[in-house]
């Protein structure tokens, strides 16, 4: 009796109170047209998995969501619309990008290294050190060597940047 949808629905057994077969009370969303449950790319056209830490850019394939979940080229090639799916997907009607941010000279919106020389993305949790490339902000957002080579200063840029 537990194999068929009709029998399961008629049983009214909730997965909150029982094991399968049962009815899921709050199923996962099946679509996310505005990418509320993922991470938007800088241009607002792509929705990456939330686990990526950032959407697209250098090192995207090394992030926890992998290339398929974090790299906009892979998402574009998939042709999966956020109107019909959840991240990773393509946003059909992207909002125009926000005005460029002017800087964060005190690293108010990021995470400082212990020596105060670098500001990492806040999604990194900590800035630099062992395992920085495996954090949600990825190598570009969490590793001080990469940040140093970028040349982006916090006076003119937001994290990741050089203080």
N, C-alpha and C. Protein backbone atom coordinates (compact mmCIF):
# COMPACT_ATOMS: atom_id res chain seq x y z
N UNK A 1 0.81 -1.20 0.00
CA UNK A 1 0.00 0.00 0.00
C UNK A 1 0.85 1.25 0.00
N UNK A 2 2.17 1.13 0.31
CA UNK A 2 3.02 2.30 0.38
C UNK A 2 3.69 2.67 -0.92
N UNK A 3 3.41 1.95 -2.00
CA UNK A 3 4.15 2.19 -3.24
C UNK A 3 3.54 3.25 -4.14
N UNK A 4 2.29 3.53 -3.97
CA UNK A 4 1.61 4.38 -4.95
C UNK A 4 1.17 5.70 -4.33
N UNK A 5 1.31 6.77 -5.10
CA UNK A 5 1.04 8.12 -4.61
C UNK A 5 -0.36 8.23 -4.01
N UNK A 6 -1.35 7.68 -4.67
CA UNK A 6 -2.72 7.77 -4.17
C UNK A 6 -2.87 7.17 -2.78
N UNK A 7 -2.26 6.00 -2.56
CA UNK A 7 -2.32 5.36 -1.25
C UNK A 7 -1.62 6.21 -0.18
N UNK A 8 -0.49 6.79 -0.56
CA UNK A 8 0.26 7.62 0.39
C UNK A 8 -0.54 8.88 0.74
N UNK A 9 -1.10 9.54 -0.27
CA UNK A 9 -1.91 10.74 -0.01
C UNK A 9 -3.12 10.42 0.85
N UNK A 10 -3.79 9.31 0.56
CA UNK A 10 -4.98 8.92 1.34
C UNK A 10 -4.64 8.56 2.77
N UNK A 11 -3.40 8.13 3.02
CA UNK A 11 -3.01 7.73 4.38
C UNK A 11 -2.94 8.93 5.33
N UNK A 12 -2.66 10.14 4.77
CA UNK A 12 -2.51 11.37 5.54
C UNK A 12 -1.39 11.27 6.59
N UNK A 13 -0.41 10.39 6.37
CA UNK A 13 0.71 10.22 7.28
C UNK A 13 1.77 11.25 6.91
N UNK A 14 2.11 12.11 7.87
CA UNK A 14 3.09 13.17 7.65
C UNK A 14 4.51 12.66 7.90
N UNK A 15 5.45 13.09 7.08
CA UNK A 15 6.86 12.74 7.28
C UNK A 15 7.42 13.42 8.53
N UNK A 16 6.71 14.42 9.05
CA UNK A 16 7.12 15.06 10.30
C UNK A 16 6.97 14.10 11.47
N UNK A 17 6.05 13.13 11.34
CA UNK A 17 5.73 12.21 12.44
C UNK A 17 6.08 10.77 12.12
N UNK A 18 6.51 10.46 10.92
CA UNK A 18 6.70 9.08 10.52
C UNK A 18 7.83 8.98 9.49
N UNK A 19 8.20 7.74 9.19
CA UNK A 19 9.17 7.51 8.12
C UNK A 19 8.40 7.13 6.85
N UNK A 20 9.09 7.09 5.73
CA UNK A 20 8.46 6.79 4.45
C UNK A 20 7.77 5.43 4.49
N UNK A 21 6.67 5.26 3.80
CA UNK A 21 6.01 6.23 2.93
C UNK A 21 5.20 7.25 3.71
N UNK A 22 5.31 8.53 3.34
CA UNK A 22 4.62 9.60 4.04
C UNK A 22 4.53 10.83 3.15
N UNK A 23 3.82 11.85 3.62
CA UNK A 23 3.62 13.09 2.87
C UNK A 23 4.56 14.15 3.44
N UNK A 24 5.36 14.78 2.58
CA UNK A 24 6.28 15.84 2.98
C UNK A 24 5.47 17.11 3.18
N UNK A 25 5.57 17.72 4.37
CA UNK A 25 4.76 18.89 4.68
C UNK A 25 5.23 20.16 3.99
N UNK A 26 6.52 20.36 3.90
CA UNK A 26 7.07 21.54 3.25
C UNK A 26 8.07 21.11 2.19
N UNK A 27 7.61 20.72 1.02
CA UNK A 27 8.55 20.27 0.00
C UNK A 27 9.48 21.41 -0.43
N UNK A 28 10.65 21.01 -0.92
CA UNK A 28 11.60 22.00 -1.43
C UNK A 28 10.97 22.77 -2.58
N UNK A 29 11.33 24.06 -2.75
CA UNK A 29 10.77 24.83 -3.86
C UNK A 29 11.16 24.19 -5.19
N UNK A 30 10.27 24.23 -6.15
CA UNK A 30 10.51 23.65 -7.46
C UNK A 30 10.95 24.69 -8.48
N UNK A 31 10.83 25.97 -8.11
CA UNK A 31 11.27 27.06 -8.99
C UNK A 31 11.70 28.24 -8.13
N UNK A 32 12.52 29.09 -8.70
CA UNK A 32 13.04 30.25 -7.97
C UNK A 32 13.33 31.36 -8.97
N UNK A 33 12.27 31.97 -9.56
CA UNK A 33 12.47 32.93 -10.65
C UNK A 33 13.34 34.13 -10.32
N UNK A 34 13.41 34.53 -9.04
CA UNK A 34 14.23 35.69 -8.68
C UNK A 34 15.49 35.30 -7.92
N UNK A 35 15.78 34.00 -7.84
CA UNK A 35 16.99 33.49 -7.19
C UNK A 35 17.05 33.85 -5.70
N UNK A 36 15.91 33.78 -5.03
CA UNK A 36 15.88 34.08 -3.60
C UNK A 36 16.60 33.03 -2.77
N UNK A 37 16.68 31.80 -3.29
CA UNK A 37 17.29 30.70 -2.55
C UNK A 37 18.66 30.31 -3.07
N UNK A 38 19.23 31.15 -3.93
CA UNK A 38 20.56 30.91 -4.48
C UNK A 38 21.38 32.17 -4.42
N UNK A 39 22.42 32.24 -5.24
CA UNK A 39 23.29 33.42 -5.31
C UNK A 39 23.27 33.96 -6.73
N UNK A 40 22.94 35.22 -6.89
CA UNK A 40 22.93 35.84 -8.21
C UNK A 40 24.35 36.15 -8.69
N UNK A 41 24.56 35.99 -9.99
CA UNK A 41 25.81 36.44 -10.60
C UNK A 41 25.85 37.96 -10.56
N UNK A 42 27.02 38.55 -10.76
CA UNK A 42 27.15 40.01 -10.72
C UNK A 42 26.21 40.70 -11.70
N UNK A 43 25.97 40.08 -12.87
CA UNK A 43 25.10 40.72 -13.85
C UNK A 43 23.63 40.37 -13.63
N UNK A 44 23.33 39.54 -12.64
CA UNK A 44 21.96 39.19 -12.30
C UNK A 44 21.29 38.20 -13.24
N UNK A 45 22.05 37.64 -14.18
CA UNK A 45 21.47 36.75 -15.18
C UNK A 45 21.50 35.28 -14.79
N UNK A 46 22.31 34.92 -13.80
CA UNK A 46 22.47 33.51 -13.43
C UNK A 46 22.29 33.34 -11.94
N UNK A 47 21.76 32.19 -11.56
CA UNK A 47 21.52 31.86 -10.16
C UNK A 47 22.34 30.61 -9.82
N UNK A 48 23.33 30.77 -8.96
CA UNK A 48 24.18 29.66 -8.55
C UNK A 48 23.66 29.06 -7.24
N UNK A 49 24.14 27.87 -6.95
CA UNK A 49 23.79 27.23 -5.67
C UNK A 49 24.32 28.10 -4.54
N UNK A 50 23.58 28.16 -3.46
CA UNK A 50 23.96 28.95 -2.30
C UNK A 50 25.30 28.48 -1.72
N UNK A 51 25.59 27.20 -1.84
CA UNK A 51 26.82 26.64 -1.28
C UNK A 51 28.08 27.16 -1.98
N UNK A 52 27.93 27.81 -3.13
CA UNK A 52 29.09 28.31 -3.89
C UNK A 52 29.78 29.48 -3.20
N UNK A 53 29.07 30.26 -2.43
CA UNK A 53 29.64 31.43 -1.77
C UNK A 53 29.64 32.66 -2.66
N UNK A 54 29.89 32.49 -3.95
CA UNK A 54 29.76 33.54 -4.94
C UNK A 54 29.45 32.86 -6.27
N UNK A 55 28.90 33.61 -7.19
CA UNK A 55 28.41 33.04 -8.44
C UNK A 55 29.31 33.43 -9.60
N UNK A 56 29.98 32.45 -10.20
CA UNK A 56 30.87 32.68 -11.32
C UNK A 56 32.22 33.19 -10.87
N UNK A 57 33.04 33.56 -11.84
CA UNK A 57 34.35 34.12 -11.56
C UNK A 57 35.44 33.08 -11.39
N UNK A 58 36.66 33.55 -11.17
CA UNK A 58 37.80 32.63 -11.05
C UNK A 58 37.60 31.63 -9.92
N UNK A 59 37.96 30.39 -10.18
CA UNK A 59 37.90 29.35 -9.16
C UNK A 59 36.51 28.80 -8.92
N UNK A 60 35.54 29.16 -9.78
CA UNK A 60 34.15 28.72 -9.53
C UNK A 60 34.04 27.20 -9.49
N UNK A 61 34.81 26.50 -10.29
CA UNK A 61 34.69 25.03 -10.32
C UNK A 61 35.25 24.37 -9.07
N UNK A 62 36.03 25.11 -8.28
CA UNK A 62 36.63 24.56 -7.06
C UNK A 62 35.77 24.79 -5.83
N UNK A 63 34.67 25.51 -5.98
CA UNK A 63 33.81 25.81 -4.84
C UNK A 63 32.92 24.62 -4.50
N UNK A 64 32.33 24.63 -3.29
CA UNK A 64 31.53 23.48 -2.85
C UNK A 64 30.39 23.07 -3.80
N UNK A 65 29.84 23.97 -4.58
CA UNK A 65 28.77 23.61 -5.52
C UNK A 65 29.28 23.03 -6.83
N UNK A 66 30.61 23.02 -7.03
CA UNK A 66 31.19 22.49 -8.26
C UNK A 66 30.93 23.37 -9.47
N UNK A 67 31.50 22.98 -10.60
CA UNK A 67 31.37 23.76 -11.83
C UNK A 67 29.91 23.89 -12.26
N UNK A 68 29.15 22.81 -12.15
CA UNK A 68 27.75 22.82 -12.59
C UNK A 68 26.90 23.76 -11.74
N UNK A 69 27.27 23.97 -10.48
CA UNK A 69 26.47 24.80 -9.60
C UNK A 69 26.98 26.21 -9.42
N UNK A 70 28.28 26.45 -9.77
CA UNK A 70 28.91 27.74 -9.45
C UNK A 70 29.44 28.51 -10.65
N UNK A 71 29.59 27.88 -11.80
CA UNK A 71 30.18 28.54 -12.97
C UNK A 71 29.10 28.93 -13.97
N UNK A 72 29.03 30.22 -14.30
CA UNK A 72 27.96 30.72 -15.15
C UNK A 72 27.98 30.10 -16.55
N UNK A 73 29.15 29.75 -17.06
CA UNK A 73 29.21 29.09 -18.37
C UNK A 73 28.48 27.76 -18.37
N UNK A 74 28.68 26.99 -17.32
CA UNK A 74 27.97 25.71 -17.20
C UNK A 74 26.47 25.92 -17.06
N UNK A 75 26.11 26.93 -16.27
CA UNK A 75 24.68 27.21 -16.06
C UNK A 75 24.05 27.67 -17.37
N UNK A 76 24.74 28.53 -18.11
CA UNK A 76 24.22 29.00 -19.39
C UNK A 76 24.04 27.83 -20.36
N UNK A 77 25.01 26.94 -20.42
CA UNK A 77 24.93 25.79 -21.32
C UNK A 77 23.81 24.83 -20.94
N UNK A 78 23.43 24.81 -19.66
CA UNK A 78 22.37 23.91 -19.21
C UNK A 78 21.00 24.31 -19.75
N UNK A 79 20.83 25.60 -20.04
CA UNK A 79 19.56 26.16 -20.53
C UNK A 79 18.40 25.92 -19.56
N UNK A 80 18.70 25.74 -18.25
CA UNK A 80 17.67 25.53 -17.24
C UNK A 80 17.21 26.89 -16.72
N UNK A 81 15.92 27.16 -16.84
CA UNK A 81 15.35 28.45 -16.42
C UNK A 81 14.94 28.41 -14.95
N UNK A 82 15.17 29.50 -14.24
CA UNK A 82 14.72 29.61 -12.85
C UNK A 82 13.20 29.68 -12.76
N UNK A 83 12.53 29.93 -13.89
CA UNK A 83 11.07 29.90 -13.92
C UNK A 83 10.54 28.48 -13.73
N UNK A 84 11.40 27.49 -14.02
CA UNK A 84 11.00 26.08 -13.95
C UNK A 84 11.82 25.27 -12.96
N UNK A 85 12.83 25.89 -12.34
CA UNK A 85 13.77 25.12 -11.53
C UNK A 85 14.35 25.98 -10.42
N UNK A 86 15.11 25.33 -9.54
CA UNK A 86 15.88 26.04 -8.52
C UNK A 86 17.34 26.05 -8.96
N UNK A 87 18.17 26.79 -8.25
CA UNK A 87 19.58 26.92 -8.61
C UNK A 87 20.24 25.55 -8.74
N UNK A 88 21.15 25.44 -9.70
CA UNK A 88 21.64 26.44 -10.65
C UNK A 88 20.67 26.61 -11.83
N UNK A 89 20.46 27.87 -12.23
CA UNK A 89 19.51 28.15 -13.30
C UNK A 89 19.76 29.56 -13.87
N UNK A 90 19.06 29.83 -14.98
CA UNK A 90 19.16 31.13 -15.66
C UNK A 90 17.96 31.98 -15.26
N UNK A 91 18.20 33.23 -14.84
CA UNK A 91 17.14 34.14 -14.45
C UNK A 91 16.56 34.76 -15.72
N UNK A 92 15.24 34.59 -15.91
CA UNK A 92 14.59 35.06 -17.15
C UNK A 92 14.52 36.57 -17.25
N UNK A 93 14.18 37.22 -16.17
CA UNK A 93 14.02 38.68 -16.16
C UNK A 93 14.92 39.28 -15.09
N UNK A 94 16.21 39.35 -15.37
CA UNK A 94 17.12 39.85 -14.33
C UNK A 94 16.87 41.32 -14.02
N UNK A 95 17.05 41.66 -12.75
CA UNK A 95 16.99 43.06 -12.32
C UNK A 95 18.24 43.75 -12.85
N UNK A 96 18.15 45.03 -13.18
CA UNK A 96 19.37 45.73 -13.60
C UNK A 96 20.38 45.71 -12.46
N UNK A 97 21.67 45.55 -12.78
CA UNK A 97 22.68 45.51 -11.73
C UNK A 97 22.69 46.79 -10.90
N UNK A 98 23.02 46.65 -9.64
CA UNK A 98 23.13 47.81 -8.74
C UNK A 98 24.30 48.67 -9.17
N UNK A 99 24.27 49.90 -8.74
CA UNK A 99 25.41 50.78 -8.99
C UNK A 99 26.65 50.15 -8.37
N UNK A 100 27.80 50.29 -8.99
CA UNK A 100 29.01 49.71 -8.42
C UNK A 100 29.26 50.25 -7.01
N UNK A 101 29.69 49.36 -6.16
CA UNK A 101 29.98 49.78 -4.79
C UNK A 101 31.28 50.57 -4.78
N UNK A 102 31.35 51.56 -3.91
CA UNK A 102 32.48 52.48 -3.95
C UNK A 102 33.64 52.07 -3.07
N UNK A 103 33.46 51.12 -2.21
CA UNK A 103 34.56 50.69 -1.36
C UNK A 103 34.08 50.38 0.04
N UNK A 104 34.97 49.78 0.80
CA UNK A 104 34.69 49.41 2.18
C UNK A 104 36.00 49.56 2.95
N UNK A 105 36.44 50.81 3.18
CA UNK A 105 37.77 51.04 3.75
C UNK A 105 37.97 50.48 5.15
N UNK A 106 36.90 50.11 5.84
CA UNK A 106 37.05 49.54 7.19
C UNK A 106 36.71 48.05 7.23
N UNK A 107 36.42 47.46 6.07
CA UNK A 107 36.04 46.04 5.95
C UNK A 107 34.79 45.75 6.78
N UNK A 108 33.88 46.70 6.78
CA UNK A 108 32.64 46.55 7.54
C UNK A 108 31.78 45.41 7.01
N UNK A 109 31.87 45.14 5.71
CA UNK A 109 31.05 44.10 5.08
C UNK A 109 31.85 42.85 4.73
N UNK A 110 32.99 42.67 5.35
CA UNK A 110 33.83 41.51 5.09
C UNK A 110 34.43 40.97 6.37
N UNK A 111 35.49 40.16 6.22
CA UNK A 111 36.19 39.56 7.36
C UNK A 111 37.68 39.90 7.22
N UNK A 112 38.23 40.52 8.25
CA UNK A 112 39.65 40.90 8.23
C UNK A 112 40.56 39.73 8.57
N UNK A 113 41.77 39.75 7.99
CA UNK A 113 42.80 38.82 8.44
C UNK A 113 43.22 39.25 9.85
N UNK A 114 43.80 38.34 10.64
CA UNK A 114 44.24 38.72 11.99
C UNK A 114 45.19 39.92 12.00
N UNK A 115 46.02 40.05 10.95
CA UNK A 115 46.96 41.18 10.91
C UNK A 115 46.33 42.45 10.34
N UNK A 116 45.06 42.37 9.90
CA UNK A 116 44.34 43.54 9.41
C UNK A 116 44.76 44.03 8.04
N UNK A 117 45.52 43.23 7.28
CA UNK A 117 46.00 43.68 5.97
C UNK A 117 45.08 43.35 4.81
N UNK A 118 44.18 42.37 5.00
CA UNK A 118 43.30 41.95 3.92
C UNK A 118 41.87 41.83 4.43
N UNK A 119 40.93 42.06 3.52
CA UNK A 119 39.50 41.94 3.82
C UNK A 119 38.92 40.89 2.88
N UNK A 120 38.45 39.77 3.43
CA UNK A 120 37.86 38.69 2.65
C UNK A 120 36.35 38.84 2.62
N UNK A 121 35.70 38.13 1.70
CA UNK A 121 34.24 38.11 1.65
C UNK A 121 33.71 37.59 2.98
N UNK A 122 32.58 38.12 3.41
CA UNK A 122 32.02 37.69 4.69
C UNK A 122 31.61 36.22 4.67
N UNK A 123 31.31 35.67 3.48
CA UNK A 123 30.93 34.26 3.38
C UNK A 123 32.08 33.31 3.71
N UNK A 124 33.32 33.83 3.75
CA UNK A 124 34.48 32.98 4.05
C UNK A 124 34.49 32.53 5.51
N UNK A 125 33.94 33.33 6.40
CA UNK A 125 33.97 33.01 7.82
C UNK A 125 35.26 33.45 8.48
N UNK A 126 36.38 33.15 7.86
CA UNK A 126 37.68 33.65 8.30
C UNK A 126 38.48 33.97 7.05
N UNK A 127 39.51 34.79 7.21
CA UNK A 127 40.23 35.31 6.06
C UNK A 127 41.65 34.74 6.01
N UNK A 128 41.97 34.08 4.90
CA UNK A 128 43.30 33.51 4.70
C UNK A 128 43.48 32.23 5.50
N UNK A 129 44.71 31.75 5.48
CA UNK A 129 45.05 30.57 6.27
C UNK A 129 44.73 29.27 5.57
N UNK A 130 45.01 28.19 6.26
CA UNK A 130 44.83 26.85 5.73
C UNK A 130 43.37 26.59 5.37
N UNK A 131 43.17 26.01 4.20
CA UNK A 131 41.83 25.67 3.75
C UNK A 131 41.02 26.81 3.18
N UNK A 132 41.67 27.97 2.94
CA UNK A 132 40.92 29.14 2.47
C UNK A 132 40.19 28.87 1.15
N UNK A 133 40.77 28.07 0.26
CA UNK A 133 40.16 27.83 -1.04
C UNK A 133 38.92 26.95 -0.96
N UNK A 134 38.74 26.26 0.15
CA UNK A 134 37.59 25.37 0.31
C UNK A 134 36.40 26.05 0.99
N UNK A 135 36.57 27.29 1.41
CA UNK A 135 35.48 28.01 2.08
C UNK A 135 34.47 28.51 1.06
N UNK A 136 33.25 28.83 1.51
CA UNK A 136 32.20 29.26 0.59
C UNK A 136 32.55 30.44 -0.31
N UNK A 137 33.44 31.32 0.09
CA UNK A 137 33.82 32.45 -0.75
C UNK A 137 34.83 32.09 -1.82
N UNK A 138 35.35 30.85 -1.78
CA UNK A 138 36.30 30.37 -2.78
C UNK A 138 37.66 31.02 -2.65
N UNK A 139 38.59 30.56 -3.49
CA UNK A 139 39.96 31.07 -3.46
C UNK A 139 40.00 32.57 -3.72
N UNK A 140 39.17 33.07 -4.63
CA UNK A 140 39.18 34.49 -4.98
C UNK A 140 38.71 35.37 -3.83
N UNK A 141 37.84 34.84 -2.97
CA UNK A 141 37.27 35.65 -1.90
C UNK A 141 37.89 35.43 -0.54
N UNK A 142 38.63 34.30 -0.37
CA UNK A 142 39.09 33.92 0.97
C UNK A 142 40.61 33.78 1.12
N UNK A 143 41.35 33.71 0.03
CA UNK A 143 42.80 33.46 0.10
C UNK A 143 43.58 34.75 -0.15
N UNK A 144 44.43 35.13 0.81
CA UNK A 144 45.11 36.42 0.74
C UNK A 144 46.08 36.53 -0.43
N UNK A 145 46.68 35.43 -0.87
CA UNK A 145 47.57 35.50 -2.02
C UNK A 145 46.83 35.96 -3.26
N UNK A 146 45.66 35.40 -3.47
CA UNK A 146 44.84 35.78 -4.62
C UNK A 146 44.37 37.22 -4.49
N UNK A 147 43.97 37.61 -3.28
CA UNK A 147 43.51 38.98 -3.04
C UNK A 147 44.65 39.97 -3.28
N UNK A 148 45.83 39.61 -2.82
CA UNK A 148 47.00 40.47 -3.00
C UNK A 148 47.30 40.68 -4.48
N UNK A 149 47.23 39.60 -5.26
CA UNK A 149 47.51 39.70 -6.70
C UNK A 149 46.44 40.48 -7.45
N UNK A 150 45.23 40.56 -6.90
CA UNK A 150 44.15 41.29 -7.57
C UNK A 150 44.44 42.79 -7.63
N UNK A 151 45.15 43.29 -6.61
CA UNK A 151 45.45 44.72 -6.54
C UNK A 151 44.27 45.58 -6.11
N UNK A 152 43.12 44.97 -5.80
CA UNK A 152 41.93 45.74 -5.39
C UNK A 152 42.10 46.25 -3.96
N UNK A 153 42.05 47.57 -3.81
CA UNK A 153 42.15 48.15 -2.47
C UNK A 153 40.75 48.39 -1.91
N UNK A 154 40.62 48.32 -0.61
CA UNK A 154 39.32 48.50 0.05
C UNK A 154 38.83 49.94 -0.03
N UNK A 155 39.72 50.88 -0.33
CA UNK A 155 39.29 52.27 -0.52
C UNK A 155 38.43 52.40 -1.79
N UNK A 156 38.71 51.54 -2.78
CA UNK A 156 38.00 51.63 -4.05
C UNK A 156 37.10 50.43 -4.33
N UNK A 157 37.25 49.35 -3.56
CA UNK A 157 36.51 48.11 -3.82
C UNK A 157 35.93 47.58 -2.52
N UNK A 158 35.00 46.64 -2.68
CA UNK A 158 34.49 45.90 -1.53
C UNK A 158 35.21 44.55 -1.51
N UNK A 159 35.05 43.82 -0.41
CA UNK A 159 35.72 42.54 -0.25
C UNK A 159 35.43 41.62 -1.42
N UNK A 160 36.48 40.91 -1.84
CA UNK A 160 37.82 40.82 -1.28
C UNK A 160 38.70 41.98 -1.74
N UNK A 161 39.48 42.50 -0.79
CA UNK A 161 40.32 43.66 -1.10
C UNK A 161 41.49 43.78 -0.12
N UNK A 162 42.43 44.65 -0.49
CA UNK A 162 43.61 44.93 0.33
C UNK A 162 43.35 46.18 1.16
N UNK A 163 43.55 46.07 2.46
CA UNK A 163 43.30 47.21 3.36
C UNK A 163 44.32 48.31 3.13
